[in-house]
Amino acid sequence: MKGKKEPAALRFIRFFSWGPKENCWLWTGARHGRPGKLYGRFSENRENVMAHNYSYRLFVGDIPKGYEVHHLCEIPLCVNPYHLQLLTKSEHSSIPRTPKKEFCHRGHRMVGWNVIVMKSGSRACRQCHYDRGFMYRRGLLAKNIKKGEVYA
């Protein structure tokens, strides 16, 4: 199939896991933002767009001028159209944000056993903490990887 480009909608569907409409469909493709507030990024016709905006346009319809797509679930990486709602910019900015994050920046749920309370009082994701330790013990952190080497 050389020379033929895959349609954007098919490419988009490869970058998240489907599930029931009440569950979040977490974006696994490119991301941008700061930790704890990462949004999905998707390339459509050589232009970068927010993944949740593309999802809304694909499954629901166009986004009128002056409106923004709001995550009802408060999870920026969610692209489930049932969790997305159109709001005006003033409505969107007036919504109070939840004080405690429910998910870490990698999408792990921050409840119960998966929360580590640090000495400073901040909360951290236990799964990410374990993953980082696992990678550190194997010398696979980004600062330890030499260019061009392959790790199994």
C-alpha atoms as a PDB file:
ATOM      1  CA  MET A   1       0.000   0.000   0.000  1.00  0.00           C
ATOM      2  CA  LYS A   2       2.929   2.274  -0.716  1.00  0.00           C
ATOM      3  CA  GLY A   3       2.005   5.805  -1.709  1.00  0.00           C
ATOM      4  CA  LYS A   4      -1.535   5.649  -0.275  1.00  0.00           C
ATOM      5  CA  LYS A   5      -2.025   7.486   2.983  1.00  0.00           C
ATOM      6  CA  GLU A   6      -4.254   5.986   5.638  1.00  0.00           C
ATOM      7  CA  PRO A   7      -7.356   8.121   6.326  1.00  0.00           C
ATOM      8  CA  ALA A   8      -7.063  10.346   9.412  1.00  0.00           C
ATOM      9  CA  ALA A   9     -10.051   8.711  11.140  1.00  0.00           C
ATOM     10  CA  LEU A  10      -8.446   5.246  10.924  1.00  0.00           C
ATOM     11  CA  ARG A  11      -5.117   6.581  12.198  1.00  0.00           C
ATOM     12  CA  PHE A  12      -6.916   8.342  15.066  1.00  0.00           C
ATOM     13  CA  ILE A  13      -8.669   5.170  16.217  1.00  0.00           C
ATOM     14  CA  ARG A  14      -5.310   3.360  16.582  1.00  0.00           C
ATOM     15  CA  PHE A  15      -4.183   5.794  19.310  1.00  0.00           C
ATOM     16  CA  PHE A  16      -6.685   5.047  22.085  1.00  0.00           C
ATOM     17  CA  SER A  17      -8.328   2.048  23.702  1.00  0.00           C
ATOM     18  CA  TRP A  18     -12.039   1.623  23.107  1.00  0.00           C
ATOM     19  CA  GLY A  19     -14.338   0.793  25.955  1.00  0.00           C
ATOM     20  CA  PRO A  20     -17.865   1.254  27.273  1.00  0.00           C
ATOM     21  CA  LYS A  21     -19.199   4.804  26.999  1.00  0.00           C
ATOM     22  CA  GLU A  22     -18.931   5.369  30.771  1.00  0.00           C
ATOM     23  CA  ASN A  23     -15.181   4.582  30.743  1.00  0.00           C
ATOM     24  CA  CYS A  24     -12.486   7.002  29.593  1.00  0.00           C
ATOM     25  CA  TRP A  25     -10.817   6.294  26.270  1.00  0.00           C
ATOM     26  CA  LEU A  26      -7.265   7.334  27.103  1.00  0.00           C
ATOM     27  CA  TRP A  27      -5.139   8.754  24.310  1.00  0.00           C
ATOM     28  CA  THR A  28      -1.874   6.861  23.790  1.00  0.00           C
ATOM     29  CA  GLY A  29      -0.464   8.891  20.907  1.00  0.00           C
ATOM     30  CA  ALA A  30       1.541  12.120  20.945  1.00  0.00           C
ATOM     31  CA  ARG A  31       1.011  14.424  23.908  1.00  0.00           C
ATOM     32  CA  HIS A  32       1.780  17.994  24.818  1.00  0.00           C
ATOM     33  CA  GLY A  33       1.483  20.129  27.928  1.00  0.00           C
ATOM     34  CA  ARG A  34       2.940  19.906  31.391  1.00  0.00           C
ATOM     35  CA  PRO A  35       2.882  16.866  33.727  1.00  0.00           C
ATOM     36  CA  GLY A  36      -0.549  16.459  35.257  1.00  0.00           C
ATOM     37  CA  LYS A  37      -2.106  18.468  32.426  1.00  0.00           C
ATOM     38  CA  LEU A  38      -1.102  16.571  29.270  1.00  0.00           C
ATOM     39  CA  TYR A  39      -3.395  16.718  26.257  1.00  0.00           C
ATOM     40  CA  GLY A  40      -3.412  14.417  23.258  1.00  0.00           C
ATOM     41  CA  ARG A  41      -2.031  15.750  19.980  1.00  0.00           C
ATOM     42  CA  PHE A  42      -3.043  14.422  16.570  1.00  0.00           C
ATOM     43  CA  SER A  43      -1.874  15.317  13.059  1.00  0.00           C
ATOM     44  CA  GLU A  44      -4.655  15.943  10.561  1.00  0.00           C
ATOM     45  CA  ASN A  45      -3.700  17.095   7.050  1.00  0.00           C
ATOM     46  CA  ARG A  46      -0.204  18.037   8.289  1.00  0.00           C
ATOM     47  CA  GLU A  47      -1.672  20.219  11.021  1.00  0.00           C
ATOM     48  CA  ASN A  48      -1.519  19.428  14.751  1.00  0.00           C
ATOM     49  CA  VAL A  49      -4.897  19.394  16.500  1.00  0.00           C
ATOM     50  CA  MET A  50      -5.982  18.532  20.031  1.00  0.00           C
ATOM     51  CA  ALA A  51      -7.032  14.860  20.133  1.00  0.00           C
ATOM     52  CA  HIS A  52     -10.221  15.529  22.120  1.00  0.00           C
ATOM     53  CA  ASN A  53     -11.282  18.215  19.615  1.00  0.00           C
ATOM     54  CA  TYR A  54     -10.723  15.802  16.731  1.00  0.00           C
ATOM     55  CA  SER A  55     -12.705  13.118  18.591  1.00  0.00           C
ATOM     56  CA  TYR A  56     -15.604  15.506  19.094  1.00  0.00           C
ATOM     57  CA  ARG A  57     -15.602  16.478  15.401  1.00  0.00           C
ATOM     58  CA  LEU A  58     -15.298  12.836  14.286  1.00  0.00           C
ATOM     59  CA  PHE A  59     -18.037  11.328  16.490  1.00  0.00           C
ATOM     60  CA  VAL A  60     -20.384  14.259  17.253  1.00  0.00           C
ATOM     61  CA  GLY A  61     -20.018  17.146  14.807  1.00  0.00           C
ATOM     62  CA  ASP A  62     -18.329  20.472  14.142  1.00  0.00           C
ATOM     63  CA  ILE A  63     -17.201  22.821  16.909  1.00  0.00           C
ATOM     64  CA  PRO A  64     -18.842  26.229  16.388  1.00  0.00           C
ATOM     65  CA  LYS A  65     -16.695  29.357  16.552  1.00  0.00           C
ATOM     66  CA  GLY A  66     -16.427  30.691  20.111  1.00  0.00           C
ATOM     67  CA  TYR A  67     -16.924  27.268  21.724  1.00  0.00           C
ATOM     68  CA  GLU A  68     -14.451  24.931  23.413  1.00  0.00           C
ATOM     69  CA  VAL A  69     -14.611  21.218  24.140  1.00  0.00           C
ATOM     70  CA  HIS A  70     -14.767  20.462  27.879  1.00  0.00           C
ATOM     71  CA  HIS A  71     -13.891  17.115  29.496  1.00  0.00           C
ATOM     72  CA  LEU A  72     -16.787  16.166  31.801  1.00  0.00           C
ATOM     73  CA  CYS A  73     -14.517  13.527  33.368  1.00  0.00           C
ATOM     74  CA  GLU A  74     -11.757  16.137  34.016  1.00  0.00           C
ATOM     75  CA  ILE A  75      -9.162  13.848  32.362  1.00  0.00           C
ATOM     76  CA  PRO A  76      -7.282  15.716  29.611  1.00  0.00           C
ATOM     77  CA  LEU A  77      -6.171  12.527  27.796  1.00  0.00           C
ATOM     78  CA  CYS A  78      -9.746  11.205  27.463  1.00  0.00           C
ATOM     79  CA  VAL A  79     -11.139  11.199  23.906  1.00  0.00           C
ATOM     80  CA  ASN A  80     -14.463   9.485  24.671  1.00  0.00           C
ATOM     81  CA  PRO A  81     -17.124  11.599  22.904  1.00  0.00           C
ATOM     82  CA  TYR A  82     -19.610  10.853  25.725  1.00  0.00           C
ATOM     83  CA  HIS A  83     -17.223  12.653  28.116  1.00  0.00           C
ATOM     84  CA  LEU A  84     -16.904  15.761  25.926  1.00  0.00           C
ATOM     85  CA  GLN A  85     -19.178  18.777  26.006  1.00  0.00           C
ATOM     86  CA  LEU A  86     -19.271  22.078  24.119  1.00  0.00           C
ATOM     87  CA  LEU A  87     -19.069  25.214  26.267  1.00  0.00           C
ATOM     88  CA  THR A  88     -18.482  28.869  25.527  1.00  0.00           C
ATOM     89  CA  LYS A  89     -15.069  30.194  26.572  1.00  0.00           C
ATOM     90  CA  SER A  90     -16.591  32.077  29.536  1.00  0.00           C
ATOM     91  CA  GLU A  91     -18.542  28.986  30.705  1.00  0.00           C
ATOM     92  CA  HIS A  92     -15.428  26.836  30.344  1.00  0.00           C
ATOM     93  CA  SER A  93     -13.199  29.192  32.332  1.00  0.00           C
ATOM     94  CA  SER A  94     -15.774  29.537  35.135  1.00  0.00           C
ATOM     95  CA  ILE A  95     -15.866  25.788  35.921  1.00  0.00           C
ATOM     96  CA  PRO A  96     -14.102  25.089  39.235  1.00  0.00           C
ATOM     97  CA  ARG A  97     -11.287  22.580  38.891  1.00  0.00           C
ATOM     98  CA  THR A  98     -10.994  19.599  41.186  1.00  0.00           C
ATOM     99  CA  PRO A  99      -8.347  20.190  43.887  1.00  0.00           C
ATOM    100  CA  LYS A 100      -6.965  16.630  43.842  1.00  0.00           C
ATOM    101  CA  LYS A 101      -6.076  15.019  40.583  1.00  0.00           C
ATOM    102  CA  GLU A 102      -7.828  11.723  39.989  1.00  0.00           C
ATOM    103  CA  PHE A 103      -5.310  10.457  37.411  1.00  0.00           C
ATOM    104  CA  CYS A 104      -1.554  10.887  37.069  1.00  0.00           C
ATOM    105  CA  HIS A 105      -0.054  12.260  33.865  1.00  0.00           C
ATOM    106  CA  ARG A 106       0.295   8.700  32.487  1.00  0.00           C
ATOM    107  CA  GLY A 107      -3.380   7.895  33.125  1.00  0.00           C
ATOM    108  CA  HIS A 108      -3.073   5.742  36.286  1.00  0.00           C
ATOM    109  CA  ARG A 109      -5.943   6.229  38.739  1.00  0.00           C
ATOM    110  CA  MET A 110      -4.805   8.175  41.854  1.00  0.00           C
ATOM    111  CA  VAL A 111      -6.927   6.477  44.517  1.00  0.00           C
ATOM    112  CA  GLY A 112      -6.386   4.099  47.428  1.00  0.00           C
ATOM    113  CA  TRP A 113      -3.317   1.878  47.169  1.00  0.00           C
ATOM    114  CA  ASN A 114      -1.945   3.717  44.122  1.00  0.00           C
ATOM    115  CA  VAL A 115      -1.252   6.960  46.024  1.00  0.00           C
ATOM    116  CA  ILE A 116       1.995   7.722  47.842  1.00  0.00           C
ATOM    117  CA  VAL A 117       1.890  10.707  50.190  1.00  0.00           C
ATOM    118  CA  MET A 118       5.340  12.281  50.173  1.00  0.00           C
ATOM    119  CA  LYS A 119       7.013  13.977  53.161  1.00  0.00           C
ATOM    120  CA  SER A 120       6.151  17.338  51.609  1.00  0.00           C
ATOM    121  CA  GLY A 121       2.460  16.364  51.631  1.00  0.00           C
ATOM    122  CA  SER A 122       2.213  16.075  47.857  1.00  0.00           C
ATOM    123  CA  ARG A 123       0.704  12.975  46.287  1.00  0.00           C
ATOM    124  CA  ALA A 124       2.494  10.749  43.769  1.00  0.00           C
ATOM    125  CA  CYS A 125       1.426   7.792  41.632  1.00  0.00           C
ATOM    126  CA  ARG A 126       2.715   4.515  43.080  1.00  0.00           C
ATOM    127  CA  GLN A 127       2.640   2.729  39.695  1.00  0.00           C
ATOM    128  CA  CYS A 128       4.767   5.443  38.054  1.00  0.00           C
ATOM    129  CA  HIS A 129       7.101   5.312  41.077  1.00  0.00           C
ATOM    130  CA  TYR A 130       7.541   1.525  40.646  1.00  0.00           C
ATOM    131  CA  ASP A 131       7.970   1.862  36.864  1.00  0.00           C
ATOM    132  CA  ARG A 132      10.666   4.510  37.319  1.00  0.00           C
ATOM    133  CA  GLY A 133      12.511   2.292  39.840  1.00  0.00           C
ATOM    134  CA  PHE A 134      12.269  -0.671  37.465  1.00  0.00           C
ATOM    135  CA  MET A 135      13.765   1.377  34.623  1.00  0.00           C
ATOM    136  CA  TYR A 136      16.443   2.861  36.902  1.00  0.00           C
ATOM    137  CA  ARG A 137      17.605  -0.571  38.121  1.00  0.00           C
ATOM    138  CA  ARG A 138      18.013  -1.686  34.516  1.00  0.00           C
ATOM    139  CA  GLY A 139      19.805   1.493  33.467  1.00  0.00           C
ATOM    140  CA  LEU A 140      17.028   2.373  31.040  1.00  0.00           C
ATOM    141  CA  LEU A 141      16.306   5.940  32.081  1.00  0.00           C
ATOM    142  CA  ALA A 142      16.660   8.425  29.243  1.00  0.00           C
ATOM    143  CA  LYS A 143      19.862   9.889  30.670  1.00  0.00           C
ATOM    144  CA  ASN A 144      21.496   6.399  30.659  1.00  0.00           C
ATOM    145  CA  ILE A 145      20.511   5.314  27.165  1.00  0.00           C
ATOM    146  CA  LYS A 146      23.188   5.693  24.525  1.00  0.00           C
ATOM    147  CA  LYS A 147      22.138   6.804  21.082  1.00  0.00           C
ATOM    148  CA  GLY A 148      21.598   3.960  18.651  1.00  0.00           C
ATOM    149  CA  GLU A 149      21.523   1.132  21.229  1.00  0.00           C
ATOM    150  CA  VAL A 150      18.612  -1.313  21.354  1.00  0.00           C
ATOM    151  CA  TYR A 151      17.320  -2.618  24.700  1.00  0.00           C
ATOM    152  CA  ALA A 152      15.166  -5.677  25.219  1.00  0.00           C
END
